[in-house]
Amino acid sequence: MNNGHAQRAVDAAYAAFSALDEGSNADYIPVLAQADPRLFGIVVVTADGRVHAAGDVETEVSIQSISKVFTMAQVIQEQGPESVERRIGVDATGARFNSIMVVEAVRAMIGPGAPEINPLVNPGAIATTSMVLGASADEAWSRILGFHSAAAGRQLCALADVYRSESDTNQRNQAIGALMHAYGYIKHNWQQAVDLYTRQCSIGVNARDLGIMAATLAFGGRNPVTDTQVIDASKVPGVLAVMATAGLYDDSGKWLYRTGLPAKSGVSGGILAVSPGRFGIAAISPPLDSAGNSVRAQHAIADISNVLGGNPYVPADTPLRCS
């Protein structure tokens, strides 16, 4: 890919959407409501490790649900693709990301513990976190943070204010954790699983971090900036498949229909997306639409991907649509 072309696409998207005034900050986690709604940064990372950026790409937000992708990838790396598929499942639920009813529906229709959920909704994500190896909570947390840091190419840490705010308001996730334990998805210590999940969602990242994390998935699990093999190349396709089917909450199908890109969003305003073998891309902007996805980030990523030919379903010789 021509690096000048990539930078021009990023600059053009920033100019086009930086003044867009749609959506609102998440407020069900109190600290997220305080984020500056004007924050907007975009990053594209190419195979040579070059970072093409526009806007504020240094200010940190909490990673939130984007962390689900990398904890899933970590469990797949440590225990194999079948570990997640057999314990939790890889099917889109068709329900809200924090639905309790979907767990009950699976139990009623198939039986308790049936692998018919996925790691990108809260019940499946909390269960996935419970599967991370470690003799203690501290060891498991060290492994989670280490994996995320390797994908980002720098040492990350949890944001204490976000962790406190989430811990004080996560009664629904605690209920989900207890239910997942009762039905056999979590084998032991659901309280630890919920706490580790809350901590991983509070990891601080900026747009540059998310762009590099996306690129790590785009280039066969190898971080193109640090040249570190974070996850085996053979295990990446499964991760991308779950992202494609369940990455943008209720609008996952609409997003895939429009862009073809496996992606994951978080309610702090971040979205990362993957064009396999082409580039990783990410944007942060806190105002969200009704489905919980950043408005500016969706526009910017879709626009840039269109310009750069990122949709993996489009034949390489198809003329690009003007934008």
C-alpha atoms as a PDB file:
ATOM      1  CA  MET A   1       0.000   0.000   0.000  1.00  0.00           C
ATOM      2  CA  ASN A   2       1.180   3.503  -0.815  1.00  0.00           C
ATOM      3  CA  ASN A   3       1.835   5.179   2.533  1.00  0.00           C
ATOM      4  CA  GLY A   4       1.075   8.633   1.169  1.00  0.00           C
ATOM      5  CA  HIS A   5      -2.301   7.362  -0.007  1.00  0.00           C
ATOM      6  CA  ALA A   6      -3.038   5.975   3.464  1.00  0.00           C
ATOM      7  CA  GLN A   7      -2.155   9.243   5.189  1.00  0.00           C
ATOM      8  CA  ARG A   8      -4.273  11.260   2.776  1.00  0.00           C
ATOM      9  CA  ALA A   9      -7.239   8.982   3.438  1.00  0.00           C
ATOM     10  CA  VAL A  10      -6.832   9.408   7.196  1.00  0.00           C
ATOM     11  CA  ASP A  11      -6.487  13.179   6.916  1.00  0.00           C
ATOM     12  CA  ALA A  12      -9.538  13.418   4.660  1.00  0.00           C
ATOM     13  CA  ALA A  13     -11.712  11.380   7.030  1.00  0.00           C
ATOM     14  CA  TYR A  14     -10.636  13.473   9.995  1.00  0.00           C
ATOM     15  CA  ALA A  15     -11.486  16.666   8.139  1.00  0.00           C
ATOM     16  CA  ALA A  16     -14.827  15.267   6.996  1.00  0.00           C
ATOM     17  CA  PHE A  17     -16.073  14.030  10.356  1.00  0.00           C
ATOM     18  CA  SER A  18     -14.354  16.004  13.126  1.00  0.00           C
ATOM     19  CA  ALA A  19     -17.240  18.494  13.245  1.00  0.00           C
ATOM     20  CA  LEU A  20     -19.950  15.820  13.176  1.00  0.00           C
ATOM     21  CA  ASP A  21     -22.206  16.413  16.169  1.00  0.00           C
ATOM     22  CA  GLU A  22     -24.246  13.256  16.619  1.00  0.00           C
ATOM     23  CA  GLY A  23     -24.621  10.743  19.431  1.00  0.00           C
ATOM     24  CA  SER A  24     -23.983  11.050  23.146  1.00  0.00           C
ATOM     25  CA  ASN A  25     -21.530   9.693  25.695  1.00  0.00           C
ATOM     26  CA  ALA A  26     -22.340   6.498  27.548  1.00  0.00           C
ATOM     27  CA  ASP A  27     -23.620   7.333  31.025  1.00  0.00           C
ATOM     28  CA  TYR A  28     -24.461   3.989  32.626  1.00  0.00           C
ATOM     29  CA  ILE A  29     -20.838   3.920  33.806  1.00  0.00           C
ATOM     30  CA  PRO A  30     -20.633   7.349  35.467  1.00  0.00           C
ATOM     31  CA  VAL A  31     -17.016   8.131  34.592  1.00  0.00           C
ATOM     32  CA  LEU A  32     -17.678   7.656  30.868  1.00  0.00           C
ATOM     33  CA  ALA A  33     -20.191  10.476  30.853  1.00  0.00           C
ATOM     34  CA  GLN A  34     -17.364  12.861  31.826  1.00  0.00           C
ATOM     35  CA  ALA A  35     -15.249  12.162  28.714  1.00  0.00           C
ATOM     36  CA  ASP A  36     -14.675  15.047  26.330  1.00  0.00           C
ATOM     37  CA  PRO A  37     -17.115  14.519  23.437  1.00  0.00           C
ATOM     38  CA  ARG A  38     -14.784  16.465  21.133  1.00  0.00           C
ATOM     39  CA  LEU A  39     -12.040  13.821  21.420  1.00  0.00           C
ATOM     40  CA  PHE A  40     -11.419  12.322  17.985  1.00  0.00           C
ATOM     41  CA  GLY A  41      -8.413  10.419  16.711  1.00  0.00           C
ATOM     42  CA  ILE A  42      -7.868   8.040  13.803  1.00  0.00           C
ATOM     43  CA  VAL A  43      -5.002   5.616  13.134  1.00  0.00           C
ATOM     44  CA  VAL A  44      -4.199   3.287  10.249  1.00  0.00           C
ATOM     45  CA  VAL A  45      -1.255   0.892  10.611  1.00  0.00           C
ATOM     46  CA  THR A  46       0.185  -0.783   7.532  1.00  0.00           C
ATOM     47  CA  ALA A  47       2.246  -3.947   7.062  1.00  0.00           C
ATOM     48  CA  ASP A  48       5.556  -2.095   7.361  1.00  0.00           C
ATOM     49  CA  GLY A  49       4.594  -0.880  10.838  1.00  0.00           C
ATOM     50  CA  ARG A  50       4.012   2.702   9.777  1.00  0.00           C
ATOM     51  CA  VAL A  51       1.399   4.569  11.786  1.00  0.00           C
ATOM     52  CA  HIS A  52      -0.778   7.007   9.838  1.00  0.00           C
ATOM     53  CA  ALA A  53      -2.632   9.275  12.247  1.00  0.00           C
ATOM     54  CA  ALA A  54      -4.869  12.314  12.487  1.00  0.00           C
ATOM     55  CA  GLY A  55      -6.412  14.111  15.426  1.00  0.00           C
ATOM     56  CA  ASP A  56      -5.852  13.239  19.080  1.00  0.00           C
ATOM     57  CA  VAL A  57      -4.227   9.815  19.086  1.00  0.00           C
ATOM     58  CA  GLU A  58      -2.552  10.095  22.498  1.00  0.00           C
ATOM     59  CA  THR A  59      -5.403  10.722  24.970  1.00  0.00           C
ATOM     60  CA  GLU A  60      -6.353   7.509  26.736  1.00  0.00           C
ATOM     61  CA  VAL A  61      -9.825   6.105  27.220  1.00  0.00           C
ATOM     62  CA  SER A  62     -10.784   2.781  28.766  1.00  0.00           C
ATOM     63  CA  ILE A  63     -10.740  -0.095  26.316  1.00  0.00           C
ATOM     64  CA  GLN A  64     -14.104  -1.460  27.494  1.00  0.00           C
ATOM     65  CA  SER A  65     -15.565  -4.236  25.297  1.00  0.00           C
ATOM     66  CA  ILE A  66     -12.685  -4.162  22.830  1.00  0.00           C
ATOM     67  CA  SER A  67     -10.800  -6.079  25.530  1.00  0.00           C
ATOM     68  CA  LYS A  68     -13.122  -9.027  24.914  1.00  0.00           C
ATOM     69  CA  VAL A  69     -11.389  -9.668  21.595  1.00  0.00           C
ATOM     70  CA  PHE A  70      -7.943  -9.954  23.107  1.00  0.00           C
ATOM     71  CA  THR A  71      -8.933 -12.049  26.114  1.00  0.00           C
ATOM     72  CA  MET A  72     -10.705 -14.387  23.690  1.00  0.00           C
ATOM     73  CA  ALA A  73      -7.558 -14.444  21.553  1.00  0.00           C
ATOM     74  CA  GLN A  74      -5.461 -15.157  24.639  1.00  0.00           C
ATOM     75  CA  VAL A  75      -7.588 -18.146  25.647  1.00  0.00           C
ATOM     76  CA  ILE A  76      -7.504 -19.456  22.075  1.00  0.00           C
ATOM     77  CA  GLN A  77      -3.730 -19.014  22.005  1.00  0.00           C
ATOM     78  CA  GLU A  78      -3.239 -20.811  25.332  1.00  0.00           C
ATOM     79  CA  GLN A  79      -5.852 -23.549  25.010  1.00  0.00           C
ATOM     80  CA  GLY A  80      -6.760 -23.844  21.333  1.00  0.00           C
ATOM     81  CA  PRO A  81      -9.713 -22.639  19.229  1.00  0.00           C
ATOM     82  CA  GLU A  82     -11.940 -25.467  20.428  1.00  0.00           C
ATOM     83  CA  SER A  83     -11.673 -24.303  24.051  1.00  0.00           C
ATOM     84  CA  VAL A  84     -13.879 -21.267  23.486  1.00  0.00           C
ATOM     85  CA  GLU A  85     -16.117 -22.954  20.931  1.00  0.00           C
ATOM     86  CA  ARG A  86     -16.910 -25.888  23.223  1.00  0.00           C
ATOM     87  CA  ARG A  87     -17.264 -23.973  26.502  1.00  0.00           C
ATOM     88  CA  ILE A  88     -19.031 -20.801  25.390  1.00  0.00           C
ATOM     89  CA  GLY A  89     -19.866 -20.937  21.693  1.00  0.00           C
ATOM     90  CA  VAL A  90     -19.268 -18.658  18.722  1.00  0.00           C
ATOM     91  CA  ASP A  91     -22.802 -17.873  17.571  1.00  0.00           C
ATOM     92  CA  ALA A  92     -24.296 -14.392  17.484  1.00  0.00           C
ATOM     93  CA  THR A  93     -27.022 -14.256  20.137  1.00  0.00           C
ATOM     94  CA  GLY A  94     -29.391 -11.799  18.488  1.00  0.00           C
ATOM     95  CA  ALA A  95     -29.805 -10.138  21.881  1.00  0.00           C
ATOM     96  CA  ARG A  96     -28.359  -7.155  23.723  1.00  0.00           C
ATOM     97  CA  PHE A  97     -24.715  -7.457  24.806  1.00  0.00           C
ATOM     98  CA  ASN A  98     -25.651  -7.640  28.511  1.00  0.00           C
ATOM     99  CA  SER A  99     -28.732  -9.803  28.147  1.00  0.00           C
ATOM    100  CA  ILE A 100     -29.549 -12.277  30.885  1.00  0.00           C
ATOM    101  CA  MET A 101     -32.530 -13.602  28.955  1.00  0.00           C
ATOM    102  CA  VAL A 102     -30.274 -15.071  26.265  1.00  0.00           C
ATOM    103  CA  VAL A 103     -28.585 -17.254  28.888  1.00  0.00           C
ATOM    104  CA  GLU A 104     -31.976 -18.394  30.154  1.00  0.00           C
ATOM    105  CA  ALA A 105     -33.209 -18.991  26.608  1.00  0.00           C
ATOM    106  CA  VAL A 106     -30.249 -21.251  25.818  1.00  0.00           C
ATOM    107  CA  ARG A 107     -30.893 -23.158  29.038  1.00  0.00           C
ATOM    108  CA  ALA A 108     -34.593 -23.554  28.262  1.00  0.00           C
ATOM    109  CA  MET A 109     -34.133 -24.634  24.654  1.00  0.00           C
ATOM    110  CA  ILE A 110     -30.921 -26.693  24.800  1.00  0.00           C
ATOM    111  CA  GLY A 111     -29.839 -27.088  28.399  1.00  0.00           C
ATOM    112  CA  PRO A 112     -27.556 -25.421  30.962  1.00  0.00           C
ATOM    113  CA  GLY A 113     -24.017 -24.865  29.736  1.00  0.00           C
ATOM    114  CA  ALA A 114     -24.831 -25.269  26.036  1.00  0.00           C
ATOM    115  CA  PRO A 115     -22.175 -23.527  23.915  1.00  0.00           C
ATOM    116  CA  GLU A 116     -24.588 -21.234  22.084  1.00  0.00           C
ATOM    117  CA  ILE A 117     -23.351 -17.806  23.220  1.00  0.00           C
ATOM    118  CA  ASN A 118     -20.136 -16.007  22.162  1.00  0.00           C
ATOM    119  CA  PRO A 119     -17.156 -14.290  23.829  1.00  0.00           C
ATOM    120  CA  LEU A 120     -18.123 -10.760  22.722  1.00  0.00           C
ATOM    121  CA  VAL A 121     -21.316 -10.439  24.767  1.00  0.00           C
ATOM    122  CA  ASN A 122     -21.000  -9.976  28.518  1.00  0.00           C
ATOM    123  CA  PRO A 123     -22.036 -13.487  29.634  1.00  0.00           C
ATOM    124  CA  GLY A 124     -19.589 -15.110  27.230  1.00  0.00           C
ATOM    125  CA  ALA A 125     -16.889 -12.536  27.920  1.00  0.00           C
ATOM    126  CA  ILE A 126     -17.004 -13.032  31.687  1.00  0.00           C
ATOM    127  CA  ALA A 127     -16.860 -16.800  31.156  1.00  0.00           C
ATOM    128  CA  THR A 128     -13.932 -16.365  28.751  1.00  0.00           C
ATOM    129  CA  THR A 129     -12.059 -14.299  31.335  1.00  0.00           C
ATOM    130  CA  SER A 130     -12.607 -17.093  33.854  1.00  0.00           C
ATOM    131  CA  MET A 131     -10.701 -19.411  31.502  1.00  0.00           C
ATOM    132  CA  VAL A 132      -7.459 -17.391  31.512  1.00  0.00           C
ATOM    133  CA  LEU A 133      -4.729 -19.506  33.092  1.00  0.00           C
ATOM    134  CA  GLY A 134      -3.295 -18.477  36.439  1.00  0.00           C
ATOM    135  CA  ALA A 135      -2.871 -19.916  39.918  1.00  0.00           C
ATOM    136  CA  SER A 136      -4.211 -16.689  41.439  1.00  0.00           C
ATOM    137  CA  ALA A 137      -6.171 -13.621  40.443  1.00  0.00           C
ATOM    138  CA  ASP A 138      -2.940 -11.621  40.300  1.00  0.00           C
ATOM    139  CA  GLU A 139      -1.314 -14.132  37.960  1.00  0.00           C
ATOM    140  CA  ALA A 140      -4.330 -14.234  35.665  1.00  0.00           C
ATOM    141  CA  TRP A 141      -4.473 -10.427  35.619  1.00  0.00           C
ATOM    142  CA  SER A 142      -0.766 -10.223  34.806  1.00  0.00           C
ATOM    143  CA  ARG A 143      -1.319 -12.538  31.849  1.00  0.00           C
ATOM    144  CA  ILE A 144      -4.337 -10.562  30.601  1.00  0.00           C
ATOM    145  CA  LEU A 145      -2.518  -7.248  30.853  1.00  0.00           C
ATOM    146  CA  GLY A 146       0.610  -8.724  29.279  1.00  0.00           C
ATOM    147  CA  PHE A 147      -1.294 -10.027  26.272  1.00  0.00           C
ATOM    148  CA  HIS A 148      -3.054  -6.712  25.675  1.00  0.00           C
ATOM    149  CA  SER A 149       0.261  -4.867  26.060  1.00  0.00           C
ATOM    150  CA  ALA A 150       1.994  -7.128  23.548  1.00  0.00           C
ATOM    151  CA  ALA A 151      -0.752  -6.479  21.008  1.00  0.00           C
ATOM    152  CA  ALA A 152      -0.487  -2.702  21.588  1.00  0.00           C
ATOM    153  CA  GLY A 153       3.305  -2.651  21.550  1.00  0.00           C
ATOM    154  CA  ARG A 154       3.672  -0.865  24.883  1.00  0.00           C
ATOM    155  CA  GLN A 155       2.993  -1.497  28.564  1.00  0.00           C
ATOM    156  CA  LEU A 156      -0.646  -0.755  29.318  1.00  0.00           C
ATOM    157  CA  CYS A 157      -2.289  -0.311  32.694  1.00  0.00           C
ATOM    158  CA  ALA A 158      -5.783  -0.119  34.137  1.00  0.00           C
ATOM    159  CA  LEU A 159      -7.337   3.306  34.717  1.00  0.00           C
ATOM    160  CA  ALA A 160      -8.096   3.395  38.436  1.00  0.00           C
ATOM    161  CA  ASP A 161     -11.013   5.819  38.210  1.00  0.00           C
ATOM    162  CA  VAL A 162     -12.737   3.723  35.551  1.00  0.00           C
ATOM    163  CA  TYR A 163     -12.181   0.515  37.514  1.00  0.00           C
ATOM    164  CA  ARG A 164     -13.704   2.071  40.634  1.00  0.00           C
ATOM    165  CA  SER A 165     -16.651   3.505  38.735  1.00  0.00           C
ATOM    166  CA  GLU A 166     -17.394   0.199  37.047  1.00  0.00           C
ATOM    167  CA  SER A 167     -16.927  -1.841  40.227  1.00  0.00           C
ATOM    168  CA  ASP A 168     -19.431   0.382  42.008  1.00  0.00           C
ATOM    169  CA  THR A 169     -22.070  -0.062  39.296  1.00  0.00           C
ATOM    170  CA  ASN A 170     -21.578  -3.579  37.890  1.00  0.00           C
ATOM    171  CA  GLN A 171     -24.355  -5.361  39.767  1.00  0.00           C
ATOM    172  CA  ARG A 172     -25.794  -6.665  36.497  1.00  0.00           C
ATOM    173  CA  ASN A 173     -22.464  -8.224  35.519  1.00  0.00           C
ATOM    174  CA  GLN A 174     -22.237  -9.756  38.971  1.00  0.00           C
ATOM    175  CA  ALA A 175     -25.646 -11.334  38.403  1.00  0.00           C
ATOM    176  CA  ILE A 176     -24.497 -12.571  34.990  1.00  0.00           C
ATOM    177  CA  GLY A 177     -21.346 -14.046  36.535  1.00  0.00           C
ATOM    178  CA  ALA A 178     -23.338 -15.915  39.185  1.00  0.00           C
ATOM    179  CA  LEU A 179     -25.737 -17.229  36.549  1.00  0.00           C
ATOM    180  CA  MET A 180     -22.914 -18.375  34.273  1.00  0.00           C
ATOM    181  CA  HIS A 181     -21.412 -20.231  37.235  1.00  0.00           C
ATOM    182  CA  ALA A 182     -24.761 -21.797  38.108  1.00  0.00           C
ATOM    183  CA  TYR A 183     -25.144 -23.095  34.543  1.00  0.00           C
ATOM    184  CA  GLY A 184     -21.606 -24.455  34.288  1.00  0.00           C
ATOM    185  CA  TYR A 185     -19.923 -21.956  31.960  1.00  0.00           C
ATOM    186  CA  ILE A 186     -17.727 -20.651  34.792  1.00  0.00           C
ATOM    187  CA  LYS A 187     -16.206 -23.576  36.646  1.00  0.00           C
ATOM    188  CA  HIS A 188     -15.132 -21.789  39.818  1.00  0.00           C
ATOM    189  CA  ASN A 189     -14.947 -18.389  41.538  1.00  0.00           C
ATOM    190  CA  TRP A 190     -17.334 -16.316  39.462  1.00  0.00           C
ATOM    191  CA  GLN A 191     -16.608 -13.275  41.654  1.00  0.00           C
ATOM    192  CA  GLN A 192     -12.961 -13.346  40.553  1.00  0.00           C
ATOM    193  CA  ALA A 193     -14.026 -13.673  36.920  1.00  0.00           C
ATOM    194  CA  VAL A 194     -16.277 -10.615  37.177  1.00  0.00           C
ATOM    195  CA  ASP A 195     -13.576  -8.583  38.897  1.00  0.00           C
ATOM    196  CA  LEU A 196     -10.943  -9.529  36.299  1.00  0.00           C
ATOM    197  CA  TYR A 197     -13.402  -8.728  33.525  1.00  0.00           C
ATOM    198  CA  THR A 198     -14.066  -5.321  35.095  1.00  0.00           C
ATOM    199  CA  ARG A 199     -10.334  -4.676  35.351  1.00  0.00           C
ATOM    200  CA  GLN A 200      -9.668  -5.642  31.744  1.00  0.00           C
ATOM    201  CA  CYS A 201     -12.420  -3.275  30.561  1.00  0.00           C
ATOM    202  CA  SER A 202     -10.692  -0.437  32.444  1.00  0.00           C
ATOM    203  CA  ILE A 203      -7.355  -0.810  30.622  1.00  0.00           C
ATOM    204  CA  GLY A 204      -6.307   2.560  29.227  1.00  0.00           C
ATOM    205  CA  VAL A 205      -5.661   2.819  25.486  1.00  0.00           C
ATOM    206  CA  ASN A 206      -5.361   5.582  22.933  1.00  0.00           C
ATOM    207  CA  ALA A 207      -6.160   5.528  19.227  1.00  0.00           C
ATOM    208  CA  ARG A 208      -2.570   4.649  18.382  1.00  0.00           C
ATOM    209  CA  ASP A 209      -2.716   1.609  20.684  1.00  0.00           C
ATOM    210  CA  LEU A 210      -5.964   0.426  19.144  1.00  0.00           C
ATOM    211  CA  GLY A 211      -4.624   0.880  15.622  1.00  0.00           C
ATOM    212  CA  ILE A 212      -1.599  -1.260  16.421  1.00  0.00           C
ATOM    213  CA  MET A 213      -3.776  -3.871  18.128  1.00  0.00           C
ATOM    214  CA  ALA A 214      -5.941  -4.003  15.009  1.00  0.00           C
ATOM    215  CA  ALA A 215      -2.842  -4.356  12.840  1.00  0.00           C
ATOM    216  CA  THR A 216      -1.611  -7.226  15.003  1.00  0.00           C
ATOM    217  CA  LEU A 217      -4.748  -9.113  14.003  1.00  0.00           C
ATOM    218  CA  ALA A 218      -4.542  -7.903  10.392  1.00  0.00           C
ATOM    219  CA  PHE A 219      -1.069  -9.355   9.883  1.00  0.00           C
ATOM    220  CA  GLY A 220      -1.412 -12.883  11.191  1.00  0.00           C
ATOM    221  CA  GLY A 221      -1.017 -12.133  14.886  1.00  0.00           C
ATOM    222  CA  ARG A 222       2.299 -10.327  14.417  1.00  0.00           C
ATOM    223  CA  ASN A 223       2.588  -6.823  15.785  1.00  0.00           C
ATOM    224  CA  PRO A 224       4.047  -4.981  12.753  1.00  0.00           C
ATOM    225  CA  VAL A 225       5.509  -2.205  14.905  1.00  0.00           C
ATOM    226  CA  THR A 226       7.426  -4.398  17.388  1.00  0.00           C
ATOM    227  CA  ASP A 227       7.667  -7.534  15.184  1.00  0.00           C
ATOM    228  CA  THR A 228       6.363  -9.602  18.122  1.00  0.00           C
ATOM    229  CA  GLN A 229       4.264 -12.676  17.308  1.00  0.00           C
ATOM    230  CA  VAL A 230       1.443 -12.199  19.800  1.00  0.00           C
ATOM    231  CA  ILE A 231      -0.870 -14.993  18.616  1.00  0.00           C
ATOM    232  CA  ASP A 232      -0.240 -17.832  16.199  1.00  0.00           C
ATOM    233  CA  ALA A 233      -1.301 -16.970  12.670  1.00  0.00           C
ATOM    234  CA  SER A 234      -3.400 -20.130  12.464  1.00  0.00           C
ATOM    235  CA  LYS A 235      -5.543 -18.942  15.383  1.00  0.00           C
ATOM    236  CA  VAL A 236      -6.339 -15.476  14.084  1.00  0.00           C
ATOM    237  CA  PRO A 237      -9.124 -16.412  11.599  1.00  0.00           C
ATOM    238  CA  GLY A 238     -11.363 -17.684  14.382  1.00  0.00           C
ATOM    239  CA  VAL A 239     -10.932 -14.454  16.307  1.00  0.00           C
ATOM    240  CA  LEU A 240     -11.821 -12.399  13.226  1.00  0.00           C
ATOM    241  CA  ALA A 241     -14.875 -14.570  12.533  1.00  0.00           C
ATOM    242  CA  VAL A 242     -16.374 -13.840  15.944  1.00  0.00           C
ATOM    243  CA  MET A 243     -15.579 -10.146  15.518  1.00  0.00           C
ATOM    244  CA  ALA A 244     -17.376 -10.170  12.163  1.00  0.00           C
ATOM    245  CA  THR A 245     -20.539 -11.724  13.576  1.00  0.00           C
ATOM    246  CA  ALA A 246     -20.760 -10.017  16.974  1.00  0.00           C
ATOM    247  CA  GLY A 247     -18.339  -7.083  17.138  1.00  0.00           C
ATOM    248  CA  LEU A 248     -20.625  -4.035  17.009  1.00  0.00           C
ATOM    249  CA  TYR A 249     -23.378  -4.976  19.425  1.00  0.00           C
ATOM    250  CA  ASP A 250     -26.859  -4.957  17.831  1.00  0.00           C
ATOM    251  CA  ASP A 251     -25.546  -3.437  14.606  1.00  0.00           C
ATOM    252  CA  SER A 252     -22.906  -6.072  13.838  1.00  0.00           C
ATOM    253  CA  GLY A 253     -24.744  -7.285  10.753  1.00  0.00           C
ATOM    254  CA  LYS A 254     -25.287  -3.767   9.433  1.00  0.00           C
ATOM    255  CA  TRP A 255     -21.611  -2.941   9.902  1.00  0.00           C
ATOM    256  CA  LEU A 256     -20.431  -6.096   8.143  1.00  0.00           C
ATOM    257  CA  TYR A 257     -22.910  -5.488   5.334  1.00  0.00           C
ATOM    258  CA  ARG A 258     -21.559  -1.977   4.786  1.00  0.00           C
ATOM    259  CA  THR A 259     -17.827  -2.573   5.254  1.00  0.00           C
ATOM    260  CA  GLY A 260     -16.968  -6.282   5.321  1.00  0.00           C
ATOM    261  CA  LEU A 261     -14.516  -5.577   8.146  1.00  0.00           C
ATOM    262  CA  PRO A 262     -14.231  -7.643  11.329  1.00  0.00           C
ATOM    263  CA  ALA A 263     -14.415  -5.027  14.074  1.00  0.00           C
ATOM    264  CA  LYS A 264     -15.055  -4.420  17.753  1.00  0.00           C
ATOM    265  CA  SER A 265     -16.395  -1.391  19.532  1.00  0.00           C
ATOM    266  CA  GLY A 266     -16.367  -0.214  23.135  1.00  0.00           C
ATOM    267  CA  VAL A 267     -18.711   2.166  24.934  1.00  0.00           C
ATOM    268  CA  SER A 268     -15.893   4.602  25.717  1.00  0.00           C
ATOM    269  CA  GLY A 269     -15.929   5.473  22.011  1.00  0.00           C
ATOM    270  CA  GLY A 270     -13.254   3.253  20.507  1.00  0.00           C
ATOM    271  CA  ILE A 271     -13.618   1.023  17.468  1.00  0.00           C
ATOM    272  CA  LEU A 272     -10.903  -1.106  15.889  1.00  0.00           C
ATOM    273  CA  ALA A 273     -11.312  -2.900  12.581  1.00  0.00           C
ATOM    274  CA  VAL A 274      -9.242  -5.334  10.556  1.00  0.00           C
ATOM    275  CA  SER A 275      -8.639  -5.564   6.837  1.00  0.00           C
ATOM    276  CA  PRO A 276      -6.767  -8.891   6.749  1.00  0.00           C
ATOM    277  CA  GLY A 277      -3.369  -8.569   5.106  1.00  0.00           C
ATOM    278  CA  ARG A 278      -3.992  -4.906   4.274  1.00  0.00           C
ATOM    279  CA  PHE A 279      -4.156  -2.739   7.399  1.00  0.00           C
ATOM    280  CA  GLY A 280      -5.427  -2.319  10.926  1.00  0.00           C
ATOM    281  CA  ILE A 281      -7.533   0.743  11.649  1.00  0.00           C
ATOM    282  CA  ALA A 282      -8.977   2.366  14.750  1.00  0.00           C
ATOM    283  CA  ALA A 283     -10.682   5.535  15.859  1.00  0.00           C
ATOM    284  CA  ILE A 284     -11.806   6.995  19.167  1.00  0.00           C
ATOM    285  CA  SER A 285     -14.700   9.411  19.641  1.00  0.00           C
ATOM    286  CA  PRO A 286     -16.917   9.119  22.756  1.00  0.00           C
ATOM    287  CA  PRO A 287     -20.393  10.054  21.408  1.00  0.00           C
ATOM    288  CA  LEU A 288     -22.297   6.848  20.627  1.00  0.00           C
ATOM    289  CA  ASP A 289     -25.341   5.921  18.578  1.00  0.00           C
ATOM    290  CA  SER A 290     -28.329   4.015  19.968  1.00  0.00           C
ATOM    291  CA  ALA A 291     -26.533   0.676  19.518  1.00  0.00           C
ATOM    292  CA  GLY A 292     -23.540   1.825  21.594  1.00  0.00           C
ATOM    293  CA  ASN A 293     -21.064   2.414  18.760  1.00  0.00           C
ATOM    294  CA  SER A 294     -19.065   5.588  18.171  1.00  0.00           C
ATOM    295  CA  VAL A 295     -20.701   7.707  15.483  1.00  0.00           C
ATOM    296  CA  ARG A 296     -17.567   9.468  14.214  1.00  0.00           C
ATOM    297  CA  ALA A 297     -15.442   6.316  14.414  1.00  0.00           C
ATOM    298  CA  GLN A 298     -17.868   4.333  12.279  1.00  0.00           C
ATOM    299  CA  HIS A 299     -17.966   7.031   9.606  1.00  0.00           C
ATOM    300  CA  ALA A 300     -14.193   7.489   9.564  1.00  0.00           C
ATOM    301  CA  ILE A 301     -13.312   3.790   9.444  1.00  0.00           C
ATOM    302  CA  ALA A 302     -15.861   2.992   6.746  1.00  0.00           C
ATOM    303  CA  ASP A 303     -14.733   5.952   4.640  1.00  0.00           C
ATOM    304  CA  ILE A 304     -11.021   5.166   4.921  1.00  0.00           C
ATOM    305  CA  SER A 305     -11.550   1.481   4.230  1.00  0.00           C
ATOM    306  CA  ASN A 306     -13.532   2.308   1.116  1.00  0.00           C
ATOM    307  CA  VAL A 307     -10.766   4.582  -0.170  1.00  0.00           C
ATOM    308  CA  LEU A 308      -8.040   2.026   0.596  1.00  0.00           C
ATOM    309  CA  GLY A 309      -9.956  -0.993  -0.714  1.00  0.00           C
ATOM    310  CA  GLY A 310     -10.171  -2.652   2.683  1.00  0.00           C
ATOM    311  CA  ASN A 311     -13.316  -4.752   2.260  1.00  0.00           C
ATOM    312  CA  PRO A 312     -12.063  -8.356   2.014  1.00  0.00           C
ATOM    313  CA  TYR A 313     -15.213  -9.396   0.144  1.00  0.00           C
ATOM    314  CA  VAL A 314     -14.583  -7.005  -2.739  1.00  0.00           C
ATOM    315  CA  PRO A 315     -12.416  -8.393  -5.595  1.00  0.00           C
ATOM    316  CA  ALA A 316      -9.111  -6.568  -5.870  1.00  0.00           C
ATOM    317  CA  ASP A 317      -9.820  -5.251  -9.371  1.00  0.00           C
ATOM    318  CA  THR A 318     -13.185  -3.660  -8.472  1.00  0.00           C
ATOM    319  CA  PRO A 319     -13.115   0.126  -8.961  1.00  0.00           C
ATOM    320  CA  LEU A 320     -13.280   2.074  -5.719  1.00  0.00           C
ATOM    321  CA  ARG A 321     -16.351   4.131  -4.979  1.00  0.00           C
ATOM    322  CA  CYS A 322     -15.605   7.844  -4.713  1.00  0.00           C
ATOM    323  CA  SER A 323     -16.132   9.361  -1.274  1.00  0.00           C
END
